[in-house]
Amino acid sequence: MSSPIWTPAALSSELRAHKSDCWRLVEAQHRVSTLKLTDSLAEQAVLEELLEATKPTLPVEARRLHYLMAAPFRYGAVYPKGSRFRRAGRTLGVFYGAEHPETAAAEMAFYRLLFYVESPGTPWPANAGEYSAFNAPLRSDAALDLTLPPLDVDHLLWTDVQDYEPCQALAGTAREAGAAIIRYESVRDPWRRANLALLTPTAFTRREPARFESWHIRLGPAGVQVIREFPLWSHEFGRDAFTADPRLTGIVWERPG
């Protein structure tokens, strides 16, 4: 598909106010992992500081944020693979989230499966993975909503499961137009609820997450099961849940583990 032509002036006229929750899932071991390498909390703090010094720098507006909110905006390192609104290479950071935690869990379920597609000899994990969902509320007067007219005229481009070029081109123009948030439809959520791409950390309304939830994701020959501890919620993504994405074609479901 060819990229649509949206000029900065055209996008600037479509900027609107937006306020919502923004949920993101991360592995629950994001801090505890370094504790295994140290004998005390003081030593862990020193190790964390040393690791932080080796990472690419953060933009000024992200430096006072909680590290889970700030990390996607790091500059300097080569972004290894392109994502929906960010090109590969030394490109500006994008924070991806969702308006509902269940949507964020669906996105994570897909990408965990994608890892195993690319590693067909890897056994399924014996236990469910532990994840934390955190809520970082947003507010901005400079949001683009790709689910509403007139931008929804290119709905098929914005929701292509594999070709991100049109979205990446749009993000570049959106930055020129002063956009802070791009709201778009999740292609992983079975209810097709909204995802959010933050182009700047200034859209966060808090310095730290407002809430955390504990989630478990289990992969196996039947598909992927996602479970939230509280409030209790679960959903199973069967073998055919993500078949619209050609990258999952030929996945080896029967494997050890």
Protein backbone atom coordinates (compact mmCIF):
# COMPACT_ATOMS: atom_id res chain seq x y z
CA MET A 1 0.00 0.00 0.00
CA SER A 2 1.22 3.52 -0.75
CA SER A 3 1.44 6.10 1.99
CA PRO A 4 -1.31 8.75 2.07
CA ILE A 5 -0.29 12.38 1.70
CA TRP A 6 -1.06 14.22 4.93
CA THR A 7 0.77 17.54 5.18
CA PRO A 8 1.77 19.12 8.51
CA ALA A 9 -0.84 21.85 7.90
CA ALA A 10 -3.59 19.29 7.27
CA LEU A 11 -2.71 17.32 10.41
CA SER A 12 -2.40 20.48 12.47
CA SER A 13 -6.02 21.31 11.70
CA GLU A 14 -7.07 17.86 13.00
CA LEU A 15 -5.40 18.14 16.41
CA ARG A 16 -7.92 17.74 19.23
CA ALA A 17 -8.06 17.44 23.00
CA HIS A 18 -7.56 14.01 24.50
CA LYS A 19 -7.67 12.68 28.05
CA SER A 20 -7.54 9.00 29.01
CA ASP A 21 -5.82 6.24 30.89
CA CYS A 22 -2.77 4.72 29.24
CA TRP A 23 -1.84 1.14 30.15
CA ARG A 24 1.37 -0.71 29.34
CA LEU A 25 2.59 -4.22 30.26
CA VAL A 26 6.17 -4.96 31.28
CA GLU A 27 7.85 -8.05 32.64
CA ALA A 28 7.49 -8.16 36.40
CA GLN A 29 11.22 -8.75 36.87
CA HIS A 30 12.15 -5.29 35.59
CA ARG A 31 13.81 -4.34 38.94
CA VAL A 32 14.14 -7.61 40.85
CA SER A 33 16.49 -9.14 38.25
CA THR A 34 19.51 -7.11 39.41
CA LEU A 35 18.90 -8.14 43.03
CA LYS A 36 20.11 -11.63 42.09
CA LEU A 37 23.54 -10.17 41.37
CA THR A 38 24.00 -8.33 44.66
CA ASP A 39 24.06 -9.05 48.39
CA SER A 40 22.13 -6.02 49.63
CA LEU A 41 19.74 -3.29 48.56
CA ALA A 42 22.58 -0.77 48.78
CA GLU A 43 24.66 -2.80 46.33
CA GLN A 44 21.66 -3.15 44.04
CA ALA A 45 21.20 0.63 44.03
CA VAL A 46 24.83 1.10 43.01
CA LEU A 47 24.47 -1.50 40.25
CA GLU A 48 21.31 0.17 38.97
CA GLU A 49 23.12 3.52 38.85
CA LEU A 50 26.02 1.98 36.91
CA LEU A 51 23.62 0.39 34.43
CA GLU A 52 21.74 3.65 34.05
CA ALA A 53 24.98 5.44 33.15
CA THR A 54 25.55 3.05 30.23
CA LYS A 55 22.13 3.70 28.67
CA PRO A 56 21.35 6.33 26.03
CA THR A 57 20.36 9.71 27.40
CA LEU A 58 16.80 10.80 28.07
CA PRO A 59 15.30 14.01 26.69
CA VAL A 60 15.07 16.75 29.30
CA GLU A 61 11.27 16.52 29.57
CA ALA A 62 11.49 12.80 30.48
CA ARG A 63 14.20 12.92 33.13
CA ARG A 64 11.87 13.48 36.09
CA LEU A 65 9.53 10.65 35.09
CA HIS A 66 9.35 7.17 36.59
CA TYR A 67 11.77 4.98 34.64
CA LEU A 68 8.97 2.80 33.21
CA MET A 69 7.41 5.89 31.65
CA ALA A 70 10.67 7.47 30.54
CA ALA A 71 12.50 4.47 29.06
CA PRO A 72 10.82 4.39 25.60
CA PHE A 73 11.99 7.97 24.95
CA ARG A 74 15.71 7.22 25.25
CA TYR A 75 17.76 8.57 22.36
CA GLY A 76 21.18 7.65 21.05
CA ALA A 77 20.91 3.89 20.61
CA VAL A 78 19.95 2.33 17.30
CA TYR A 79 16.33 1.16 17.38
CA PRO A 80 16.78 -2.39 16.02
CA LYS A 81 13.42 -2.90 14.32
CA GLY A 82 10.77 -0.51 13.15
CA SER A 83 7.43 -0.44 15.00
CA ARG A 84 4.10 1.03 13.95
CA PHE A 85 5.00 4.68 14.51
CA ARG A 86 8.79 4.51 14.79
CA ARG A 87 11.32 3.71 12.10
CA ALA A 88 14.37 1.56 12.74
CA GLY A 89 17.67 3.35 13.36
CA ARG A 90 18.51 6.40 15.43
CA THR A 91 14.97 7.69 15.66
CA LEU A 92 12.93 9.58 18.23
CA GLY A 93 11.28 7.46 20.90
CA VAL A 94 7.62 6.49 21.07
CA PHE A 95 5.75 5.29 24.17
CA TYR A 96 3.13 2.69 23.22
CA GLY A 97 0.16 2.04 25.48
CA ALA A 98 -3.54 1.23 25.42
CA GLU A 99 -6.68 2.77 26.88
CA HIS A 100 -7.56 -0.55 28.57
CA PRO A 101 -5.24 -3.01 30.34
CA GLU A 102 -6.90 -5.91 28.52
CA THR A 103 -5.84 -4.36 25.21
CA ALA A 104 -2.26 -4.02 26.45
CA ALA A 105 -2.37 -7.69 27.48
CA ALA A 106 -3.59 -8.70 24.01
CA GLU A 107 -0.68 -6.82 22.44
CA MET A 108 1.79 -8.54 24.75
CA ALA A 109 0.24 -11.95 24.03
CA PHE A 110 0.81 -11.44 20.31
CA TYR A 111 4.42 -10.34 20.65
CA ARG A 112 5.25 -13.20 22.98
CA LEU A 113 3.89 -15.58 20.34
CA LEU A 114 5.91 -13.78 17.67
CA PHE A 115 9.09 -14.50 19.62
CA TYR A 116 8.35 -18.22 19.49
CA VAL A 117 7.56 -18.05 15.78
CA GLU A 118 11.07 -16.74 15.24
CA SER A 119 12.51 -19.46 17.50
CA PRO A 120 10.73 -22.69 16.44
CA GLY A 121 13.09 -24.93 18.39
CA THR A 122 12.49 -23.19 21.71
CA PRO A 123 10.23 -25.16 24.10
CA TRP A 124 7.15 -23.52 25.52
CA PRO A 125 7.91 -22.08 28.98
CA ALA A 126 7.03 -24.40 31.83
CA ASN A 127 5.35 -21.65 33.85
CA ALA A 128 3.27 -18.59 33.10
CA GLY A 129 5.23 -15.36 32.77
CA GLU A 130 4.64 -12.63 35.34
CA TYR A 131 3.89 -9.12 34.13
CA SER A 132 3.01 -5.76 35.62
CA ALA A 133 0.49 -3.49 33.96
CA PHE A 134 0.87 0.16 34.88
CA ASN A 135 -1.44 3.09 34.23
CA ALA A 136 0.11 6.41 33.19
CA PRO A 137 -2.77 8.87 32.57
CA LEU A 138 -2.58 11.27 29.62
CA ARG A 139 -3.92 14.68 28.70
CA SER A 140 -3.12 16.81 25.68
CA ASP A 141 -4.67 19.36 23.35
CA ALA A 142 -2.60 17.99 20.46
CA ALA A 143 -3.89 14.49 19.71
CA LEU A 144 -4.61 12.86 16.36
CA ASP A 145 -7.38 10.25 16.36
CA LEU A 146 -7.02 7.85 13.45
CA THR A 147 -10.36 6.22 14.27
CA LEU A 148 -12.37 9.38 13.48
CA PRO A 149 -13.02 11.37 10.28
CA PRO A 150 -11.24 12.52 8.24
CA LEU A 151 -8.21 10.42 9.22
CA ASP A 152 -10.20 7.19 9.30
CA VAL A 153 -10.46 7.32 5.51
CA ASP A 154 -7.10 5.53 5.56
CA HIS A 155 -8.25 2.97 8.14
CA LEU A 156 -6.84 0.02 6.15
CA LEU A 157 -3.41 1.63 6.15
CA TRP A 158 -3.43 2.48 9.83
CA THR A 159 -4.46 -1.10 10.76
CA ASP A 160 -2.24 -3.12 8.45
CA VAL A 161 -0.89 -5.95 10.60
CA GLN A 162 2.60 -5.93 9.10
CA ASP A 163 3.29 -2.94 6.82
CA TYR A 164 4.06 0.00 9.13
CA GLU A 165 5.42 2.37 6.49
CA PRO A 166 2.24 4.53 6.19
CA CYS A 167 2.03 4.89 9.99
CA GLN A 168 5.72 5.72 10.27
CA ALA A 169 5.38 8.37 7.57
CA LEU A 170 2.33 9.79 9.36
CA ALA A 171 4.22 9.95 12.67
CA GLY A 172 6.99 11.99 11.08
CA THR A 173 4.50 14.48 9.70
CA ALA A 174 2.57 14.46 12.98
CA ARG A 175 5.69 15.57 14.82
CA GLU A 176 6.07 18.46 12.38
CA ALA A 177 2.45 19.39 13.07
CA GLY A 178 3.08 19.45 16.83
CA ALA A 179 1.12 16.31 17.70
CA ALA A 180 1.75 14.72 21.09
CA ILE A 181 -0.51 11.63 20.90
CA ILE A 182 -1.74 9.35 18.15
CA ARG A 183 -4.84 7.34 19.00
CA TYR A 184 -5.43 4.30 16.80
CA GLU A 185 -7.25 0.96 16.69
CA SER A 186 -5.54 -2.11 18.14
CA VAL A 187 -5.37 -4.96 15.64
CA ARG A 188 -4.64 -7.46 18.46
CA ASP A 189 -7.52 -6.63 20.80
CA PRO A 190 -10.50 -8.83 19.83
CA TRP A 191 -12.79 -5.91 20.77
CA ARG A 192 -10.75 -3.50 18.62
CA ARG A 193 -10.29 -0.92 21.35
CA ALA A 194 -7.77 1.91 21.16
CA ASN A 195 -4.01 2.00 21.43
CA LEU A 196 -2.04 5.17 22.09
CA ALA A 197 1.32 6.28 20.74
CA LEU A 198 2.96 9.12 22.67
CA LEU A 199 5.38 11.14 20.57
CA THR A 200 6.45 13.23 23.56
CA PRO A 201 6.50 12.58 27.33
CA THR A 202 4.85 15.96 27.97
CA ALA A 203 1.44 14.27 27.55
CA PHE A 204 1.78 12.42 30.87
CA THR A 205 -0.23 14.04 33.68
CA ARG A 206 1.83 12.42 36.47
CA ARG A 207 5.49 11.70 37.12
CA GLU A 208 4.74 8.17 38.31
CA PRO A 209 2.19 5.49 37.36
CA ALA A 210 -1.23 5.90 38.93
CA ARG A 211 -1.89 2.16 39.35
CA PHE A 212 -0.31 -1.25 38.92
CA GLU A 213 -1.90 -4.63 38.18
CA SER A 214 -0.42 -8.13 38.27
CA TRP A 215 -0.84 -10.26 35.14
CA HIS A 216 0.16 -13.76 34.07
CA ILE A 217 0.66 -14.88 30.47
CA ARG A 218 0.93 -18.57 29.64
CA LEU A 219 1.94 -19.89 26.22
CA GLY A 220 1.40 -23.44 25.04
CA PRO A 221 0.11 -25.68 22.26
CA ALA A 222 -3.47 -24.41 22.72
CA GLY A 223 -2.54 -20.74 22.36
CA VAL A 224 -2.06 -17.97 24.92
CA GLN A 225 -3.93 -17.48 28.19
CA VAL A 226 -3.83 -14.11 29.94
CA ILE A 227 -4.96 -13.73 33.55
CA ARG A 228 -5.23 -10.64 35.73
CA GLU A 229 -5.06 -11.27 39.46
CA PHE A 230 -7.26 -8.40 40.65
CA PRO A 231 -9.83 -7.59 39.59
CA LEU A 232 -9.90 -11.14 38.28
CA TRP A 233 -10.15 -11.38 34.49
CA SER A 234 -8.94 -13.94 31.98
CA HIS A 235 -9.02 -14.55 28.26
CA GLU A 236 -7.69 -17.25 25.95
CA PHE A 237 -6.23 -16.46 22.55
CA GLY A 238 -6.54 -19.72 20.66
CA ARG A 239 -4.42 -20.89 17.77
CA ASP A 240 -6.47 -18.87 15.30
CA ALA A 241 -6.58 -15.62 17.31
CA PHE A 242 -3.87 -13.83 15.36
CA THR A 243 -3.99 -15.64 12.02
CA ALA A 244 -4.59 -12.35 10.17
CA ASP A 245 -0.88 -11.65 10.65
CA PRO A 246 1.20 -13.60 8.10
CA ARG A 247 4.16 -13.63 10.47
CA LEU A 248 2.36 -16.27 12.53
CA THR A 249 1.80 -18.53 9.55
CA GLY A 250 3.55 -21.83 10.08
CA ILE A 251 4.03 -21.46 13.83
CA VAL A 252 5.05 -24.74 15.45
CA TRP A 253 2.41 -25.34 18.10
CA GLU A 254 3.45 -28.81 19.18
CA ARG A 255 6.83 -28.51 20.85
CA PRO A 256 8.42 -29.60 24.14
CA GLY A 257 7.49 -27.72 27.25
